[in-house]
């Protein structure tokens, strides 16, 4: 089960959404929906999201994303 979860990071998108809402980021649901709906949300997708958000959210938030595990 652990292997299966590690291959499907979409289970952490809710936590990412919550963190983005806490800092007032606009429309976090829509952002995550674009990245995960109908697709596997992989480690590469998470890194891409972090790169996209760099400079738009605090570094502390990006660090939290990097530490998230299913």
Protein backbone atom coordinates (compact mmCIF):
# COMPACT_ATOMS: atom_id res chain seq x y z
CA UNK A 1 0.00 0.00 0.00
CA UNK A 2 2.86 2.38 0.83
CA UNK A 3 4.31 1.91 -2.67
CA UNK A 4 0.89 2.54 -4.24
CA UNK A 5 0.45 5.76 -2.25
CA UNK A 6 3.93 6.99 -3.13
CA UNK A 7 3.07 6.61 -6.82
CA UNK A 8 -0.15 8.63 -6.44
CA UNK A 9 0.64 11.94 -4.82
CA UNK A 10 -2.80 13.28 -5.71
CA UNK A 11 -3.75 12.29 -2.16
CA UNK A 12 -1.74 15.27 -0.91
CA UNK A 13 -3.37 17.85 -3.19
CA UNK A 14 -5.90 18.67 -0.46
CA UNK A 15 -3.05 19.53 1.92
CA UNK A 16 -1.44 21.70 -0.75
CA UNK A 17 -4.76 23.45 -1.35
CA UNK A 18 -5.14 24.11 2.37
CA UNK A 19 -1.66 25.62 2.63
CA UNK A 20 -2.31 27.85 -0.38
CA UNK A 21 -5.63 29.01 1.11
CA UNK A 22 -3.88 29.85 4.41
CA UNK A 23 -1.56 32.29 2.65
CA UNK A 24 -4.36 33.78 0.54
CA UNK A 25 -3.23 32.35 -2.80
CA UNK A 26 -6.02 32.91 -5.36
CA UNK A 27 -8.02 29.91 -6.58
CA UNK A 28 -5.92 27.03 -5.24
CA UNK A 29 -8.62 24.49 -6.10
CA UNK A 30 -8.55 25.44 -9.77
CA UNK A 31 -4.75 25.34 -9.85
CA UNK A 32 -4.62 21.83 -8.40
CA UNK A 33 -7.54 20.66 -10.54
CA UNK A 34 -5.61 21.58 -13.70
CA UNK A 35 -2.59 19.64 -12.50
CA UNK A 36 -4.30 16.53 -11.17
CA UNK A 37 -7.71 15.96 -12.79
CA UNK A 38 -7.57 12.83 -14.90
CA UNK A 39 -3.81 12.50 -14.43
CA UNK A 40 -1.42 11.02 -11.95
CA UNK A 41 0.00 13.70 -9.69
CA UNK A 42 3.62 12.59 -9.54
CA UNK A 43 6.73 13.82 -7.78
CA UNK A 44 7.65 15.58 -11.03
CA UNK A 45 4.27 17.36 -11.03
CA UNK A 46 4.80 18.43 -7.41
CA UNK A 47 8.25 19.80 -8.26
CA UNK A 48 6.80 21.58 -11.29
CA UNK A 49 4.12 23.15 -9.09
CA UNK A 50 6.75 24.33 -6.62
CA UNK A 51 8.79 25.85 -9.43
CA UNK A 52 5.68 27.57 -10.80
CA UNK A 53 4.87 29.03 -7.38
CA UNK A 54 8.44 30.12 -6.58
CA UNK A 55 8.44 33.87 -6.06
CA UNK A 56 4.65 33.90 -5.61
CA UNK A 57 4.43 32.13 -2.26
CA UNK A 58 6.72 32.15 0.77
CA UNK A 59 9.71 29.79 0.68
CA UNK A 60 8.40 28.28 3.92
CA UNK A 61 5.27 27.13 2.07
CA UNK A 62 7.34 25.55 -0.70
CA UNK A 63 9.41 23.77 1.95
CA UNK A 64 6.20 22.33 3.43
CA UNK A 65 5.23 21.04 -0.01
CA UNK A 66 8.61 19.33 -0.40
CA UNK A 67 8.13 17.60 2.97
CA UNK A 68 4.61 16.32 2.25
CA UNK A 69 4.24 12.55 2.01
CA UNK A 70 1.11 10.48 1.41
